[in-house]
Amino acid sequence: MRVRLQGFEPGSRVNGPGLRAVAWFQGCSIGCPGCFNPATHASNAGYEADTAEVAHCVLASRDPIEGLTVSGGEPFEQPEALLDLLRQVRSGGLSTLVFSGYARAAIERMPLGRQILSAADVLIDGPYVQERHLARGLLGSSNQRIHLLTDRYSAADFTGIPRREAVLHRDGTVTLSGIAPLGASGLARPARP
């Protein structure tokens, strides 16, 4: 199944518990003022990938990574691809975490919303509200919530996660990531799986 991505990082410590792969979905109609990743908003930007290829890259790295984080953009604006990717990664025994600017109640009313939530271990929901900036514990603003959808993680697993990171790649490019990234936008390098 095809998915439009803005980037992919095979190993990050700031996008959830443990070392995680991260897929940034392209396209977001919410457009929160002050968003960390404005480059992910245009639905026709980024690049197309295949969910099976992305899942293969994640599962091939299962030692040392423990899971996949899906961020954006807005992952729920590509619900079929999101569900397919999460199911493939979960079937390989890895954990799944999804960021969304939509509230959980709204997600549950969306087509495929409940199925997507059943394929995720963690949902971090709510729009980024610049006036309520927090940048702590994976929450960009104080209105956002961490929902533990399975018993794979506890609240304690979300303490001590670094706020930002810069990953230097062999080709000299850099990925800036995290809840308080160092650049003008959260993803400086549109990496590919």
N, C-alpha and C. Protein backbone atom coordinates (compact mmCIF):
# COMPACT_ATOMS: atom_id res chain seq x y z
N MET A 1 0.85 -1.17 0.00
CA MET A 1 0.00 0.00 0.00
C MET A 1 0.90 1.24 0.00
N ARG A 2 0.50 2.25 -0.75
CA ARG A 2 1.28 3.47 -0.87
C ARG A 2 1.00 4.42 0.30
N VAL A 3 2.05 5.11 0.73
CA VAL A 3 1.95 6.11 1.78
C VAL A 3 2.81 7.29 1.38
N ARG A 4 2.38 8.49 1.71
CA ARG A 4 3.19 9.68 1.45
C ARG A 4 3.90 10.05 2.75
N LEU A 5 5.23 10.06 2.70
CA LEU A 5 6.06 10.36 3.86
C LEU A 5 6.82 11.65 3.66
N GLN A 6 7.18 12.27 4.76
CA GLN A 6 8.08 13.41 4.73
C GLN A 6 9.49 12.95 5.06
N GLY A 7 9.60 11.90 5.88
CA GLY A 7 10.92 11.40 6.23
C GLY A 7 10.83 10.13 7.06
N PHE A 8 11.99 9.53 7.25
CA PHE A 8 12.11 8.28 8.01
C PHE A 8 13.45 8.32 8.72
N GLU A 9 13.44 7.93 9.98
CA GLU A 9 14.68 7.85 10.77
C GLU A 9 14.74 6.44 11.37
N PRO A 10 15.79 5.69 11.09
CA PRO A 10 15.85 4.30 11.59
C PRO A 10 16.13 4.17 13.07
N GLY A 11 16.64 5.22 13.73
CA GLY A 11 16.93 5.10 15.15
C GLY A 11 16.88 6.44 15.86
N SER A 12 15.91 6.61 16.75
CA SER A 12 15.74 7.85 17.48
C SER A 12 15.47 7.54 18.95
N ARG A 13 15.99 8.37 19.83
CA ARG A 13 15.73 8.21 21.26
C ARG A 13 14.78 9.28 21.81
N VAL A 14 14.30 10.19 20.96
CA VAL A 14 13.46 11.29 21.44
C VAL A 14 12.00 11.18 20.99
N ASN A 15 11.64 10.11 20.33
CA ASN A 15 10.29 9.97 19.79
C ASN A 15 9.52 8.83 20.44
N GLY A 16 9.82 8.56 21.70
CA GLY A 16 9.12 7.53 22.45
C GLY A 16 10.10 6.74 23.29
N PRO A 17 9.58 5.77 24.02
CA PRO A 17 10.45 4.96 24.89
C PRO A 17 11.45 4.12 24.10
N GLY A 18 12.68 4.10 24.54
CA GLY A 18 13.70 3.26 23.91
C GLY A 18 14.16 3.82 22.58
N LEU A 19 14.92 3.00 21.87
CA LEU A 19 15.39 3.36 20.53
C LEU A 19 14.29 2.97 19.54
N ARG A 20 13.85 3.93 18.71
CA ARG A 20 12.69 3.71 17.85
C ARG A 20 12.96 4.18 16.43
N ALA A 21 12.38 3.50 15.48
CA ALA A 21 12.30 4.02 14.12
C ALA A 21 11.17 5.05 14.12
N VAL A 22 11.28 6.04 13.23
CA VAL A 22 10.26 7.09 13.15
C VAL A 22 9.90 7.30 11.68
N ALA A 23 8.59 7.29 11.40
CA ALA A 23 8.08 7.64 10.07
C ALA A 23 7.24 8.90 10.22
N TRP A 24 7.62 9.95 9.48
CA TRP A 24 6.86 11.19 9.48
C TRP A 24 5.94 11.18 8.27
N PHE A 25 4.64 11.10 8.49
CA PHE A 25 3.67 11.14 7.40
C PHE A 25 3.59 12.56 6.85
N GLN A 26 3.37 12.65 5.55
CA GLN A 26 3.25 13.94 4.88
C GLN A 26 1.78 14.31 4.74
N GLY A 27 1.47 15.57 5.01
CA GLY A 27 0.11 16.07 4.86
C GLY A 27 -0.56 16.31 6.19
N CYS A 28 -1.02 17.52 6.41
CA CYS A 28 -1.76 17.86 7.62
C CYS A 28 -2.65 19.06 7.32
N SER A 29 -3.95 18.86 7.47
CA SER A 29 -4.89 19.96 7.24
C SER A 29 -5.18 20.74 8.53
N ILE A 30 -4.66 20.28 9.66
CA ILE A 30 -4.90 20.97 10.93
C ILE A 30 -4.12 22.28 10.97
N GLY A 31 -2.83 22.21 10.67
CA GLY A 31 -2.00 23.42 10.57
C GLY A 31 -1.90 24.23 11.85
N CYS A 32 -1.54 23.59 12.95
CA CYS A 32 -1.42 24.29 14.23
C CYS A 32 -0.40 25.43 14.14
N PRO A 33 -0.76 26.64 14.57
CA PRO A 33 0.22 27.73 14.61
C PRO A 33 1.41 27.34 15.51
N GLY A 34 2.61 27.56 15.00
CA GLY A 34 3.82 27.23 15.75
C GLY A 34 4.22 25.77 15.64
N CYS A 35 3.60 25.01 14.75
CA CYS A 35 3.91 23.58 14.58
C CYS A 35 5.41 23.37 14.42
N PHE A 36 5.93 22.30 15.02
CA PHE A 36 7.36 21.97 14.94
C PHE A 36 7.76 21.50 13.55
N ASN A 37 6.80 20.95 12.78
CA ASN A 37 7.11 20.34 11.49
C ASN A 37 6.27 20.93 10.36
N PRO A 38 6.37 22.23 10.09
CA PRO A 38 5.54 22.81 9.04
C PRO A 38 5.81 22.24 7.65
N ALA A 39 6.99 21.69 7.43
CA ALA A 39 7.30 21.09 6.12
C ALA A 39 6.45 19.86 5.85
N THR A 40 5.78 19.33 6.86
CA THR A 40 4.94 18.14 6.69
C THR A 40 3.50 18.48 6.32
N HIS A 41 3.13 19.74 6.23
CA HIS A 41 1.73 20.12 6.03
C HIS A 41 1.20 19.88 4.62
N ALA A 42 1.95 20.24 3.59
CA ALA A 42 1.46 20.12 2.22
C ALA A 42 1.25 18.65 1.85
N SER A 43 0.05 18.33 1.40
CA SER A 43 -0.25 16.92 1.12
C SER A 43 0.43 16.40 -0.13
N ASN A 44 0.92 17.28 -0.99
CA ASN A 44 1.57 16.84 -2.23
C ASN A 44 3.09 16.90 -2.15
N ALA A 45 3.65 17.21 -1.00
CA ALA A 45 5.10 17.26 -0.84
C ALA A 45 5.60 15.89 -0.36
N GLY A 46 6.85 15.83 0.02
CA GLY A 46 7.41 14.57 0.50
C GLY A 46 7.61 13.58 -0.64
N TYR A 47 7.48 12.31 -0.33
CA TYR A 47 7.70 11.26 -1.33
C TYR A 47 6.79 10.08 -1.03
N GLU A 48 6.54 9.28 -2.04
CA GLU A 48 5.72 8.08 -1.85
C GLU A 48 6.62 6.91 -1.49
N ALA A 49 6.10 6.07 -0.62
CA ALA A 49 6.79 4.84 -0.24
C ALA A 49 5.74 3.75 -0.15
N ASP A 50 6.19 2.55 0.02
CA ASP A 50 5.30 1.42 0.20
C ASP A 50 5.32 1.01 1.67
N THR A 51 4.15 0.80 2.26
CA THR A 51 4.11 0.44 3.68
C THR A 51 4.87 -0.84 3.96
N ALA A 52 4.85 -1.78 3.02
CA ALA A 52 5.59 -3.04 3.23
C ALA A 52 7.09 -2.77 3.28
N GLU A 53 7.57 -1.84 2.45
CA GLU A 53 8.99 -1.49 2.45
C GLU A 53 9.38 -0.81 3.76
N VAL A 54 8.53 0.11 4.22
CA VAL A 54 8.80 0.81 5.48
C VAL A 54 8.80 -0.20 6.64
N ALA A 55 7.80 -1.06 6.68
CA ALA A 55 7.72 -2.07 7.74
C ALA A 55 8.93 -3.00 7.70
N HIS A 56 9.36 -3.38 6.50
CA HIS A 56 10.54 -4.23 6.37
C HIS A 56 11.77 -3.56 6.97
N CYS A 57 11.96 -2.26 6.67
CA CYS A 57 13.10 -1.52 7.23
C CYS A 57 13.04 -1.50 8.76
N VAL A 58 11.84 -1.31 9.29
CA VAL A 58 11.68 -1.27 10.75
C VAL A 58 11.96 -2.65 11.34
N LEU A 59 11.35 -3.68 10.80
CA LEU A 59 11.49 -5.02 11.35
C LEU A 59 12.90 -5.57 11.18
N ALA A 60 13.58 -5.16 10.12
CA ALA A 60 14.96 -5.62 9.92
C ALA A 60 15.90 -5.05 10.98
N SER A 61 15.45 -3.98 11.65
CA SER A 61 16.28 -3.33 12.68
C SER A 61 15.80 -3.67 14.08
N ARG A 62 14.98 -4.72 14.23
CA ARG A 62 14.37 -4.98 15.54
C ARG A 62 15.39 -5.20 16.64
N ASP A 63 16.59 -5.51 16.29
CA ASP A 63 17.65 -5.52 17.28
C ASP A 63 18.64 -4.47 16.81
N PRO A 64 18.60 -3.28 17.32
CA PRO A 64 18.33 -2.89 18.69
C PRO A 64 17.03 -2.10 18.92
N ILE A 65 16.23 -1.76 17.88
CA ILE A 65 15.06 -0.91 18.15
C ILE A 65 13.94 -1.72 18.78
N GLU A 66 13.07 -1.00 19.49
CA GLU A 66 11.93 -1.68 20.12
C GLU A 66 10.60 -1.33 19.51
N GLY A 67 10.60 -0.37 18.58
CA GLY A 67 9.31 -0.05 18.00
C GLY A 67 9.37 1.05 16.97
N LEU A 68 8.17 1.41 16.50
CA LEU A 68 7.99 2.45 15.50
C LEU A 68 7.13 3.56 16.07
N THR A 69 7.56 4.80 15.83
CA THR A 69 6.75 5.97 16.13
C THR A 69 6.31 6.56 14.80
N VAL A 70 5.02 6.88 14.70
CA VAL A 70 4.49 7.54 13.51
C VAL A 70 4.07 8.95 13.92
N SER A 71 4.62 9.92 13.21
CA SER A 71 4.35 11.31 13.50
C SER A 71 3.97 12.00 12.20
N GLY A 72 4.04 13.29 12.18
CA GLY A 72 3.66 13.94 10.94
C GLY A 72 4.09 15.38 10.91
N GLY A 73 3.30 15.96 10.07
CA GLY A 73 2.03 15.80 9.44
C GLY A 73 0.98 15.19 10.39
N GLU A 74 -0.05 14.70 9.75
CA GLU A 74 -1.15 14.07 10.49
C GLU A 74 -1.37 12.66 9.97
N PRO A 75 -0.90 11.65 10.71
CA PRO A 75 -1.02 10.26 10.26
C PRO A 75 -2.46 9.82 9.96
N PHE A 76 -3.44 10.35 10.70
CA PHE A 76 -4.82 9.90 10.51
C PHE A 76 -5.44 10.45 9.22
N GLU A 77 -4.73 11.29 8.49
CA GLU A 77 -5.20 11.74 7.19
C GLU A 77 -4.83 10.75 6.09
N GLN A 78 -4.10 9.70 6.44
CA GLN A 78 -3.82 8.57 5.55
C GLN A 78 -4.18 7.29 6.32
N PRO A 79 -5.45 7.11 6.68
CA PRO A 79 -5.82 6.05 7.62
C PRO A 79 -5.54 4.64 7.13
N GLU A 80 -5.77 4.35 5.86
CA GLU A 80 -5.53 2.99 5.36
C GLU A 80 -4.05 2.64 5.46
N ALA A 81 -3.19 3.56 5.03
CA ALA A 81 -1.74 3.32 5.09
C ALA A 81 -1.26 3.23 6.53
N LEU A 82 -1.80 4.07 7.41
CA LEU A 82 -1.41 4.03 8.82
C LEU A 82 -1.77 2.69 9.43
N LEU A 83 -2.98 2.23 9.21
CA LEU A 83 -3.41 0.94 9.76
C LEU A 83 -2.55 -0.19 9.23
N ASP A 84 -2.29 -0.20 7.93
CA ASP A 84 -1.48 -1.26 7.34
C ASP A 84 -0.08 -1.28 7.92
N LEU A 85 0.54 -0.13 8.05
CA LEU A 85 1.91 -0.05 8.59
C LEU A 85 1.95 -0.50 10.04
N LEU A 86 1.01 -0.01 10.86
CA LEU A 86 0.99 -0.40 12.28
C LEU A 86 0.80 -1.90 12.44
N ARG A 87 -0.12 -2.47 11.68
CA ARG A 87 -0.36 -3.92 11.79
C ARG A 87 0.87 -4.73 11.41
N GLN A 88 1.57 -4.32 10.36
CA GLN A 88 2.77 -5.05 9.95
C GLN A 88 3.84 -5.00 11.03
N VAL A 89 4.05 -3.83 11.60
CA VAL A 89 5.09 -3.68 12.63
C VAL A 89 4.70 -4.44 13.89
N ARG A 90 3.45 -4.34 14.30
CA ARG A 90 3.00 -5.07 15.50
C ARG A 90 3.09 -6.58 15.29
N SER A 91 2.78 -7.06 14.08
CA SER A 91 2.85 -8.50 13.84
C SER A 91 4.28 -9.02 13.94
N GLY A 92 5.25 -8.11 13.79
CA GLY A 92 6.65 -8.47 13.95
C GLY A 92 7.14 -8.36 15.38
N GLY A 93 6.23 -8.06 16.32
CA GLY A 93 6.59 -8.03 17.73
C GLY A 93 7.09 -6.71 18.26
N LEU A 94 7.09 -5.66 17.44
CA LEU A 94 7.57 -4.37 17.89
C LEU A 94 6.41 -3.50 18.36
N SER A 95 6.72 -2.49 19.16
CA SER A 95 5.69 -1.59 19.68
C SER A 95 5.39 -0.49 18.67
N THR A 96 4.22 0.14 18.86
CA THR A 96 3.79 1.21 17.96
C THR A 96 3.28 2.38 18.77
N LEU A 97 3.68 3.58 18.37
CA LEU A 97 3.26 4.83 19.00
C LEU A 97 2.87 5.79 17.89
N VAL A 98 1.74 6.47 18.05
CA VAL A 98 1.24 7.40 17.04
C VAL A 98 0.97 8.75 17.68
N PHE A 99 1.50 9.81 17.04
CA PHE A 99 1.16 11.18 17.39
C PHE A 99 0.01 11.64 16.50
N SER A 100 -0.92 12.40 17.06
CA SER A 100 -2.01 12.96 16.27
C SER A 100 -2.44 14.30 16.83
N GLY A 101 -2.79 15.21 15.93
CA GLY A 101 -3.35 16.48 16.34
C GLY A 101 -4.84 16.39 16.65
N TYR A 102 -5.44 15.25 16.35
CA TYR A 102 -6.85 15.03 16.68
C TYR A 102 -6.97 14.45 18.09
N ALA A 103 -8.04 14.77 18.77
CA ALA A 103 -8.32 14.19 20.09
C ALA A 103 -8.77 12.74 19.91
N ARG A 104 -8.50 11.93 20.91
CA ARG A 104 -8.85 10.51 20.85
C ARG A 104 -10.34 10.30 20.54
N ALA A 105 -11.22 11.09 21.14
CA ALA A 105 -12.66 10.93 20.89
C ALA A 105 -12.97 11.15 19.41
N ALA A 106 -12.34 12.12 18.78
CA ALA A 106 -12.56 12.37 17.35
C ALA A 106 -12.01 11.22 16.52
N ILE A 107 -10.86 10.69 16.91
CA ILE A 107 -10.27 9.56 16.20
C ILE A 107 -11.19 8.35 16.25
N GLU A 108 -11.79 8.10 17.40
CA GLU A 108 -12.68 6.95 17.55
C GLU A 108 -13.90 7.05 16.64
N ARG A 109 -14.27 8.25 16.22
CA ARG A 109 -15.42 8.43 15.31
C ARG A 109 -15.01 8.40 13.83
N MET A 110 -13.71 8.41 13.56
CA MET A 110 -13.23 8.41 12.18
C MET A 110 -13.37 7.03 11.56
N PRO A 111 -13.52 6.96 10.22
CA PRO A 111 -13.44 5.66 9.56
C PRO A 111 -12.07 5.05 9.87
N LEU A 112 -12.04 3.83 10.29
CA LEU A 112 -10.83 3.07 10.66
C LEU A 112 -10.20 3.55 11.96
N GLY A 113 -10.75 4.56 12.60
CA GLY A 113 -10.16 5.10 13.82
C GLY A 113 -9.97 4.06 14.91
N ARG A 114 -11.01 3.32 15.22
CA ARG A 114 -10.91 2.31 16.28
C ARG A 114 -9.95 1.18 15.91
N GLN A 115 -9.94 0.79 14.64
CA GLN A 115 -9.00 -0.26 14.21
C GLN A 115 -7.56 0.22 14.33
N ILE A 116 -7.32 1.48 13.98
CA ILE A 116 -5.96 2.03 14.10
C ILE A 116 -5.54 2.05 15.56
N LEU A 117 -6.42 2.51 16.44
CA LEU A 117 -6.09 2.54 17.86
C LEU A 117 -5.82 1.14 18.41
N SER A 118 -6.50 0.13 17.88
CA SER A 118 -6.27 -1.24 18.34
C SER A 118 -4.92 -1.78 17.85
N ALA A 119 -4.33 -1.12 16.86
CA ALA A 119 -3.01 -1.54 16.36
C ALA A 119 -1.88 -0.71 16.95
N ALA A 120 -2.22 0.20 17.86
CA ALA A 120 -1.20 1.06 18.48
C ALA A 120 -1.09 0.74 19.97
N ASP A 121 0.11 0.84 20.49
CA ASP A 121 0.33 0.70 21.93
C ASP A 121 0.12 2.01 22.66
N VAL A 122 0.44 3.12 21.96
CA VAL A 122 0.38 4.45 22.58
C VAL A 122 -0.16 5.44 21.55
N LEU A 123 -1.03 6.32 22.02
CA LEU A 123 -1.49 7.46 21.23
C LEU A 123 -1.15 8.72 22.01
N ILE A 124 -0.53 9.68 21.34
CA ILE A 124 -0.34 11.01 21.92
C ILE A 124 -1.22 11.92 21.08
N ASP A 125 -2.25 12.50 21.72
CA ASP A 125 -3.27 13.21 20.96
C ASP A 125 -3.39 14.68 21.35
N GLY A 126 -4.06 15.40 20.47
CA GLY A 126 -4.37 16.80 20.70
C GLY A 126 -3.55 17.72 19.84
N PRO A 127 -4.15 18.84 19.42
CA PRO A 127 -3.41 19.79 18.61
C PRO A 127 -2.33 20.49 19.43
N TYR A 128 -1.29 20.94 18.75
CA TYR A 128 -0.29 21.75 19.42
C TYR A 128 -0.88 23.14 19.62
N VAL A 129 -0.85 23.63 20.85
CA VAL A 129 -1.35 24.97 21.18
C VAL A 129 -0.15 25.79 21.65
N GLN A 130 0.28 26.70 20.82
CA GLN A 130 1.51 27.46 21.07
C GLN A 130 1.47 28.19 22.41
N GLU A 131 0.32 28.71 22.80
CA GLU A 131 0.19 29.44 24.06
C GLU A 131 0.31 28.53 25.28
N ARG A 132 0.20 27.22 25.06
CA ARG A 132 0.32 26.24 26.15
C ARG A 132 1.57 25.38 25.98
N HIS A 133 2.60 25.94 25.32
CA HIS A 133 3.85 25.23 25.04
C HIS A 133 4.40 24.56 26.30
N LEU A 134 4.78 23.30 26.16
CA LEU A 134 5.30 22.52 27.28
C LEU A 134 6.66 21.92 26.94
N ALA A 135 6.74 21.18 25.83
CA ALA A 135 7.97 20.53 25.37
C ALA A 135 8.60 19.67 26.46
N ARG A 136 7.80 18.76 27.00
CA ARG A 136 8.29 17.86 28.05
C ARG A 136 7.52 16.55 27.98
N GLY A 137 8.23 15.43 28.17
CA GLY A 137 7.57 14.13 28.21
C GLY A 137 6.81 13.78 26.95
N LEU A 138 7.31 14.16 25.80
CA LEU A 138 6.71 13.96 24.48
C LEU A 138 5.49 14.82 24.21
N LEU A 139 5.17 15.73 25.09
CA LEU A 139 4.03 16.62 24.89
C LEU A 139 4.52 17.99 24.45
N GLY A 140 4.06 18.43 23.29
CA GLY A 140 4.43 19.75 22.81
C GLY A 140 3.74 20.86 23.57
N SER A 141 2.47 20.62 23.94
CA SER A 141 1.72 21.61 24.71
C SER A 141 0.91 20.90 25.79
N SER A 142 0.54 21.65 26.82
CA SER A 142 -0.05 21.04 28.03
C SER A 142 -1.44 20.44 27.81
N ASN A 143 -2.09 20.73 26.70
CA ASN A 143 -3.40 20.13 26.41
C ASN A 143 -3.29 18.72 25.86
N GLN A 144 -2.12 18.32 25.39
CA GLN A 144 -1.94 17.00 24.79
C GLN A 144 -1.87 15.92 25.86
N ARG A 145 -2.25 14.70 25.48
CA ARG A 145 -2.31 13.58 26.43
C ARG A 145 -1.64 12.34 25.85
N ILE A 146 -1.04 11.56 26.74
CA ILE A 146 -0.48 10.25 26.38
C ILE A 146 -1.51 9.20 26.79
N HIS A 147 -1.97 8.43 25.82
CA HIS A 147 -2.93 7.35 26.08
C HIS A 147 -2.20 6.01 25.94
N LEU A 148 -2.11 5.26 27.03
CA LEU A 148 -1.53 3.93 27.00
C LEU A 148 -2.64 2.98 26.58
N LEU A 149 -2.60 2.49 25.34
CA LEU A 149 -3.67 1.70 24.77
C LEU A 149 -3.51 0.21 25.04
N THR A 150 -2.32 -0.20 25.44
CA THR A 150 -2.04 -1.58 25.85
C THR A 150 -1.24 -1.51 27.14
N ASP A 151 -0.89 -2.66 27.67
CA ASP A 151 -0.08 -2.68 28.89
C ASP A 151 1.42 -2.79 28.60
N ARG A 152 1.81 -2.54 27.36
CA ARG A 152 3.22 -2.64 26.97
C ARG A 152 4.09 -1.60 27.69
N TYR A 153 3.54 -0.42 27.93
CA TYR A 153 4.28 0.65 28.59
C TYR A 153 3.51 1.15 29.80
N SER A 154 4.24 1.83 30.69
CA SER A 154 3.61 2.51 31.82
C SER A 154 3.99 3.98 31.75
N ALA A 155 3.38 4.79 32.57
CA ALA A 155 3.68 6.23 32.59
C ALA A 155 5.16 6.47 32.87
N ALA A 156 5.77 5.62 33.67
CA ALA A 156 7.19 5.79 34.00
C ALA A 156 8.10 5.68 32.77
N ASP A 157 7.64 4.95 31.74
CA ASP A 157 8.44 4.82 30.52
C ASP A 157 8.56 6.12 29.74
N PHE A 158 7.77 7.12 30.10
CA PHE A 158 7.77 8.38 29.37
C PHE A 158 8.49 9.49 30.13
N THR A 159 9.11 9.16 31.23
CA THR A 159 9.92 10.13 31.95
C THR A 159 11.37 9.98 31.50
N GLY A 160 12.07 11.05 31.43
CA GLY A 160 13.49 11.00 31.07
C GLY A 160 13.77 10.88 29.59
N ILE A 161 12.75 10.95 28.74
CA ILE A 161 12.99 10.94 27.29
C ILE A 161 13.58 12.29 26.91
N PRO A 162 14.71 12.31 26.22
CA PRO A 162 15.31 13.59 25.83
C PRO A 162 14.33 14.42 25.01
N ARG A 163 14.47 15.74 25.07
CA ARG A 163 13.57 16.65 24.36
C ARG A 163 13.93 16.80 22.89
N ARG A 164 15.18 16.62 22.54
CA ARG A 164 15.61 16.85 21.15
C ARG A 164 16.87 16.04 20.88
N GLU A 165 17.11 15.86 19.57
CA GLU A 165 18.34 15.19 19.15
C GLU A 165 18.72 15.65 17.76
N ALA A 166 19.97 15.51 17.46
CA ALA A 166 20.50 15.73 16.11
C ALA A 166 21.21 14.43 15.74
N VAL A 167 20.77 13.82 14.64
CA VAL A 167 21.37 12.56 14.19
C VAL A 167 22.19 12.87 12.95
N LEU A 168 23.50 12.63 13.03
CA LEU A 168 24.40 12.83 11.91
C LEU A 168 24.50 11.52 11.14
N HIS A 169 24.20 11.58 9.84
CA HIS A 169 24.21 10.39 9.00
C HIS A 169 25.53 10.28 8.25
N ARG A 170 25.82 9.08 7.79
CA ARG A 170 27.09 8.82 7.09
C ARG A 170 27.29 9.71 5.88
N ASP A 171 26.19 10.11 5.24
CA ASP A 171 26.31 10.96 4.05
C ASP A 171 26.46 12.45 4.40
N GLY A 172 26.56 12.77 5.70
CA GLY A 172 26.77 14.14 6.14
C GLY A 172 25.49 14.92 6.41
N THR A 173 24.35 14.34 6.13
CA THR A 173 23.09 15.01 6.42
C THR A 173 22.73 14.82 7.89
N VAL A 174 21.83 15.68 8.36
CA VAL A 174 21.45 15.67 9.76
C VAL A 174 19.93 15.64 9.88
N THR A 175 19.43 14.83 10.79
CA THR A 175 18.02 14.86 11.15
C THR A 175 17.89 15.52 12.51
N LEU A 176 17.10 16.60 12.59
CA LEU A 176 16.80 17.27 13.85
C LEU A 176 15.41 16.81 14.24
N SER A 177 15.27 16.32 15.47
CA SER A 177 13.99 15.74 15.86
C SER A 177 13.74 15.96 17.33
N GLY A 178 12.51 15.71 17.72
CA GLY A 178 12.14 15.79 19.13
C GLY A 178 10.98 16.73 19.36
N ILE A 179 10.61 16.85 20.61
CA ILE A 179 9.48 17.68 21.00
C ILE A 179 9.86 19.15 21.08
N ALA A 180 11.15 19.43 21.11
CA ALA A 180 11.66 20.80 21.08
C ALA A 180 12.86 20.83 20.16
N PRO A 181 12.63 20.60 18.84
CA PRO A 181 13.76 20.48 17.92
C PRO A 181 14.59 21.74 17.82
N LEU A 182 15.81 21.56 17.34
CA LEU A 182 16.79 22.64 17.30
C LEU A 182 16.65 23.57 16.11
N GLY A 183 15.93 23.19 15.08
CA GLY A 183 15.85 24.00 13.86
C GLY A 183 14.53 24.71 13.71
N ALA A 184 14.39 25.38 12.58
CA ALA A 184 13.13 26.08 12.29
C ALA A 184 12.00 25.09 12.07
N SER A 185 12.33 23.91 11.58
CA SER A 185 11.33 22.85 11.46
C SER A 185 11.91 21.60 12.09
N GLY A 186 11.06 20.70 12.52
CA GLY A 186 11.50 19.55 13.27
C GLY A 186 12.30 18.54 12.50
N LEU A 187 12.12 18.45 11.19
CA LEU A 187 12.83 17.45 10.41
C LEU A 187 13.64 18.18 9.35
N ALA A 188 14.96 18.18 9.51
CA ALA A 188 15.81 18.92 8.60
C ALA A 188 16.20 18.10 7.39
N ARG A 189 16.01 16.83 7.42
CA ARG A 189 16.48 15.93 6.37
C ARG A 189 15.34 15.00 5.97
N PRO A 190 14.85 15.07 4.75
CA PRO A 190 13.80 14.15 4.35
C PRO A 190 14.38 12.78 4.02
N ALA A 191 14.69 12.02 5.04
CA ALA A 191 15.29 10.69 4.86
C ALA A 191 14.27 9.74 4.27
N ARG A 192 14.76 8.63 3.75
CA ARG A 192 13.90 7.61 3.16
C ARG A 192 14.26 6.25 3.73
N PRO A 193 13.27 5.36 3.85
CA PRO A 193 13.60 4.01 4.32
C PRO A 193 14.37 3.24 3.26
